[in-house]
N, C-alpha and C. Protein backbone atom coordinates (compact mmCIF):
# COMPACT_ATOMS: atom_id res chain seq x y z
N PRO A 1 154.39 71.07 178.85
CA PRO A 1 153.61 70.21 177.96
C PRO A 1 154.50 69.18 177.27
N LYS A 2 153.95 68.02 177.06
CA LYS A 2 154.70 66.94 176.42
C LYS A 2 154.38 66.81 174.94
N ASP A 3 153.31 67.48 174.49
CA ASP A 3 152.97 67.44 173.07
C ASP A 3 152.23 68.74 172.71
N GLU A 4 151.97 68.92 171.41
CA GLU A 4 151.36 70.16 170.95
C GLU A 4 149.93 70.33 171.46
N THR A 5 149.20 69.25 171.67
CA THR A 5 147.84 69.35 172.20
C THR A 5 147.87 69.93 173.61
N GLN A 6 148.78 69.44 174.45
CA GLN A 6 148.90 69.97 175.80
C GLN A 6 149.36 71.43 175.77
N ARG A 7 150.26 71.75 174.86
CA ARG A 7 150.77 73.12 174.74
C ARG A 7 149.65 74.07 174.35
N LYS A 8 148.83 73.67 173.40
CA LYS A 8 147.70 74.51 172.97
C LYS A 8 146.70 74.68 174.11
N GLY A 9 146.50 73.63 174.89
CA GLY A 9 145.59 73.73 176.04
C GLY A 9 146.10 74.72 177.08
N ALA A 10 147.40 74.68 177.35
CA ALA A 10 147.99 75.62 178.31
C ALA A 10 147.88 77.06 177.80
N ALA A 11 148.11 77.26 176.51
CA ALA A 11 148.00 78.60 175.93
C ALA A 11 146.56 79.10 175.99
N SER A 12 145.62 78.22 175.73
CA SER A 12 144.21 78.59 175.80
C SER A 12 143.81 79.00 177.21
N SER A 13 144.28 78.25 178.18
CA SER A 13 144.00 78.55 179.58
C SER A 13 144.61 79.91 179.98
N CYS A 14 145.84 80.14 179.57
CA CYS A 14 146.52 81.40 179.87
C CYS A 14 145.80 82.58 179.21
N THR A 15 145.40 82.40 177.96
CA THR A 15 144.69 83.44 177.23
C THR A 15 143.39 83.80 177.95
N ALA A 16 142.68 82.80 178.42
CA ALA A 16 141.42 83.03 179.13
C ALA A 16 141.67 83.75 180.46
N ARG A 17 142.67 83.30 181.23
CA ARG A 17 142.95 83.93 182.52
C ARG A 17 143.38 85.38 182.38
N LEU A 18 144.14 85.68 181.33
CA LEU A 18 144.60 87.06 181.11
C LEU A 18 143.56 87.90 180.36
N LYS A 19 142.48 87.25 179.92
CA LYS A 19 141.40 87.91 179.19
C LYS A 19 141.94 88.62 177.94
N LEU A 20 142.85 87.92 177.24
CA LEU A 20 143.40 88.48 176.01
C LEU A 20 142.36 88.38 174.90
N SER A 21 142.20 89.45 174.15
CA SER A 21 141.23 89.44 173.06
C SER A 21 141.91 89.37 171.69
N MET A 22 143.24 89.36 171.70
CA MET A 22 143.98 89.29 170.44
C MET A 22 144.32 87.84 170.13
N PRO A 23 144.55 87.53 168.86
CA PRO A 23 144.95 86.16 168.52
C PRO A 23 146.27 85.80 169.22
N VAL A 24 146.39 84.58 169.63
CA VAL A 24 147.60 84.09 170.29
C VAL A 24 148.11 82.90 169.48
N LEU A 25 149.38 82.93 169.15
CA LEU A 25 150.00 81.83 168.41
C LEU A 25 150.82 80.98 169.36
N VAL A 26 150.88 79.70 169.08
CA VAL A 26 151.59 78.77 169.95
C VAL A 26 152.73 78.13 169.15
N ASP A 27 153.92 78.16 169.71
CA ASP A 27 155.10 77.56 169.10
C ASP A 27 154.92 76.04 169.03
N ASN A 28 155.55 75.42 168.06
CA ASN A 28 155.57 73.96 167.99
C ASN A 28 156.34 73.41 169.18
N ILE A 29 156.21 72.14 169.42
CA ILE A 29 156.85 71.51 170.57
C ILE A 29 158.38 71.58 170.48
N ASP A 30 158.92 71.83 169.28
CA ASP A 30 160.38 71.94 169.13
C ASP A 30 160.92 73.32 169.53
N ASN A 31 160.02 74.25 169.87
CA ASN A 31 160.39 75.60 170.34
C ASN A 31 161.20 76.41 169.33
N ARG A 32 161.00 76.18 168.06
CA ARG A 32 161.78 76.89 167.04
C ARG A 32 161.60 78.40 167.13
N VAL A 33 160.37 78.86 167.26
CA VAL A 33 160.11 80.31 167.32
C VAL A 33 160.71 80.89 168.60
N ASP A 34 160.61 80.18 169.70
CA ASP A 34 161.22 80.63 170.94
C ASP A 34 162.72 80.84 170.75
N GLY A 35 163.36 79.91 170.06
CA GLY A 35 164.79 80.05 169.80
C GLY A 35 165.12 81.26 168.95
N LEU A 36 164.25 81.59 168.03
CA LEU A 36 164.49 82.73 167.14
C LEU A 36 164.22 84.07 167.80
N TYR A 37 163.21 84.13 168.68
CA TYR A 37 162.78 85.41 169.25
C TYR A 37 163.09 85.59 170.73
N ALA A 38 163.68 84.60 171.37
CA ALA A 38 164.00 84.69 172.81
C ALA A 38 162.78 85.09 173.61
N GLY A 39 161.69 84.36 173.42
CA GLY A 39 160.44 84.69 174.08
C GLY A 39 160.30 84.17 175.49
N TRP A 40 161.29 83.44 176.01
CA TRP A 40 161.15 82.85 177.33
C TRP A 40 161.27 83.89 178.41
N PRO A 41 160.51 83.89 179.49
CA PRO A 41 159.39 82.99 179.69
C PRO A 41 158.13 83.45 178.95
N GLU A 42 158.00 84.72 178.66
CA GLU A 42 156.93 85.19 177.80
C GLU A 42 157.34 86.53 177.22
N ARG A 43 156.83 86.80 176.05
CA ARG A 43 157.20 88.03 175.38
C ARG A 43 156.20 88.26 174.26
N MET A 44 155.91 89.50 173.96
CA MET A 44 154.94 89.80 172.92
C MET A 44 155.63 90.52 171.77
N PHE A 45 155.33 90.06 170.55
CA PHE A 45 155.84 90.67 169.34
C PHE A 45 154.67 90.99 168.43
N VAL A 46 154.84 92.03 167.62
CA VAL A 46 153.93 92.28 166.51
C VAL A 46 154.77 92.14 165.25
N ILE A 47 154.34 91.26 164.38
CA ILE A 47 155.03 91.03 163.12
C ILE A 47 154.24 91.75 162.03
N GLY A 48 154.91 92.64 161.30
CA GLY A 48 154.24 93.40 160.25
C GLY A 48 153.92 92.53 159.04
N ARG A 49 153.10 93.07 158.17
CA ARG A 49 152.74 92.36 156.94
C ARG A 49 153.97 92.03 156.09
N ASP A 50 155.04 92.80 156.28
CA ASP A 50 156.27 92.55 155.54
C ASP A 50 157.11 91.44 156.16
N GLY A 51 156.63 90.86 157.27
CA GLY A 51 157.35 89.77 157.93
C GLY A 51 158.41 90.23 158.91
N LYS A 52 158.58 91.54 159.07
CA LYS A 52 159.58 92.08 159.99
C LYS A 52 158.94 92.40 161.34
N THR A 53 159.76 92.36 162.39
CA THR A 53 159.28 92.69 163.73
C THR A 53 158.97 94.18 163.79
N ALA A 54 157.69 94.50 164.08
CA ALA A 54 157.26 95.89 164.18
C ALA A 54 157.25 96.37 165.63
N TYR A 55 157.04 95.45 166.56
CA TYR A 55 157.03 95.77 167.99
C TYR A 55 157.62 94.58 168.73
N ALA A 56 158.50 94.85 169.67
CA ALA A 56 159.07 93.78 170.50
C ALA A 56 158.93 94.20 171.96
N GLY A 57 158.07 93.50 172.68
CA GLY A 57 157.93 93.76 174.11
C GLY A 57 159.12 93.21 174.87
N LYS A 58 159.22 93.61 176.10
CA LYS A 58 160.32 93.12 176.94
C LYS A 58 159.97 91.74 177.49
N GLN A 59 161.01 91.00 177.92
CA GLN A 59 160.79 89.66 178.46
C GLN A 59 160.02 89.73 179.77
N GLY A 60 159.17 88.74 179.97
CA GLY A 60 158.37 88.64 181.19
C GLY A 60 159.13 87.91 182.28
N PRO A 61 158.51 87.78 183.39
CA PRO A 61 157.13 88.16 183.59
C PRO A 61 156.93 89.65 183.82
N TRP A 62 157.93 90.40 184.25
CA TRP A 62 157.73 91.82 184.55
C TRP A 62 157.60 92.66 183.29
N GLY A 63 158.17 92.22 182.19
CA GLY A 63 158.07 92.97 180.94
C GLY A 63 156.88 92.58 180.09
N PHE A 64 156.08 91.61 180.55
CA PHE A 64 154.91 91.14 179.81
C PHE A 64 153.76 92.09 180.10
N LYS A 65 153.46 92.98 179.14
CA LYS A 65 152.47 94.04 179.36
C LYS A 65 151.48 94.07 178.20
N PRO A 66 150.44 93.24 178.27
CA PRO A 66 149.44 93.22 177.20
C PRO A 66 148.83 94.59 176.92
N ASP A 67 148.62 95.42 177.96
CA ASP A 67 148.05 96.74 177.73
C ASP A 67 148.98 97.62 176.90
N GLU A 68 150.29 97.46 177.10
CA GLU A 68 151.27 98.24 176.34
C GLU A 68 151.21 97.89 174.85
N VAL A 69 151.15 96.60 174.54
CA VAL A 69 151.07 96.21 173.13
C VAL A 69 149.72 96.60 172.54
N ALA A 70 148.65 96.55 173.35
CA ALA A 70 147.33 96.99 172.86
C ALA A 70 147.37 98.47 172.51
N ASP A 71 147.99 99.29 173.36
CA ASP A 71 148.13 100.72 173.06
C ASP A 71 148.96 100.93 171.81
N TRP A 72 150.05 100.17 171.67
CA TRP A 72 150.90 100.29 170.48
C TRP A 72 150.09 99.97 169.23
N LEU A 73 149.30 98.90 169.29
CA LEU A 73 148.49 98.51 168.14
C LEU A 73 147.47 99.58 167.80
N LYS A 74 146.81 100.15 168.81
CA LYS A 74 145.82 101.21 168.55
C LYS A 74 146.48 102.41 167.89
N THR A 75 147.67 102.77 168.36
CA THR A 75 148.38 103.93 167.82
C THR A 75 148.91 103.68 166.41
N ASN A 76 149.46 102.50 166.17
CA ASN A 76 150.15 102.22 164.92
C ASN A 76 149.32 101.47 163.88
N VAL A 77 148.27 100.81 164.31
CA VAL A 77 147.45 100.03 163.38
C VAL A 77 146.03 100.57 163.33
N GLY A 78 145.52 101.02 164.45
CA GLY A 78 144.16 101.51 164.54
C GLY A 78 143.33 100.59 165.41
N PRO A 79 142.11 101.02 165.69
CA PRO A 79 141.25 100.20 166.55
C PRO A 79 140.88 98.89 165.85
N PRO A 80 140.58 97.87 166.64
CA PRO A 80 140.18 96.60 166.02
C PRO A 80 138.89 96.77 165.24
N THR A 81 138.79 96.03 164.17
CA THR A 81 137.56 96.03 163.39
C THR A 81 136.71 94.85 163.83
N GLU A 82 135.45 94.87 163.46
CA GLU A 82 134.56 93.77 163.83
C GLU A 82 135.09 92.46 163.30
N LYS A 83 135.61 92.46 162.07
CA LYS A 83 136.15 91.23 161.47
C LYS A 83 137.36 90.74 162.26
N ALA A 84 138.25 91.65 162.67
CA ALA A 84 139.44 91.25 163.43
C ALA A 84 139.08 90.68 164.78
N ASP A 85 137.95 91.14 165.35
CA ASP A 85 137.52 90.63 166.65
C ASP A 85 137.01 89.21 166.57
N GLN A 86 136.72 88.71 165.39
CA GLN A 86 136.16 87.37 165.22
C GLN A 86 137.22 86.39 164.78
N HIS A 87 138.33 86.31 165.55
CA HIS A 87 139.40 85.38 165.21
C HIS A 87 138.99 83.96 165.58
N PRO A 88 139.58 82.98 164.86
CA PRO A 88 139.23 81.59 165.15
C PRO A 88 139.63 81.18 166.55
N GLN A 89 138.87 80.28 167.12
CA GLN A 89 139.16 79.78 168.47
C GLN A 89 140.14 78.66 168.42
């Protein structure tokens, strides 16, 4: 992507193809978060309310396991609530 609009479009398309039901955040075009978390080419993190990394998935594509993070969330956070399922588009 050449700008943030294109980046958000690519993320939206990927989210739809993978049928992800959790919120997905997109890094700014400067890749600051990628630099901090080494998310390339893809990686899943859960950040706790305290701002610390609570779960760090392995780097993809082979370590990209949405079902693994979903199981972790169910075990450590609990099942999704109706309100949590209604995240903004």
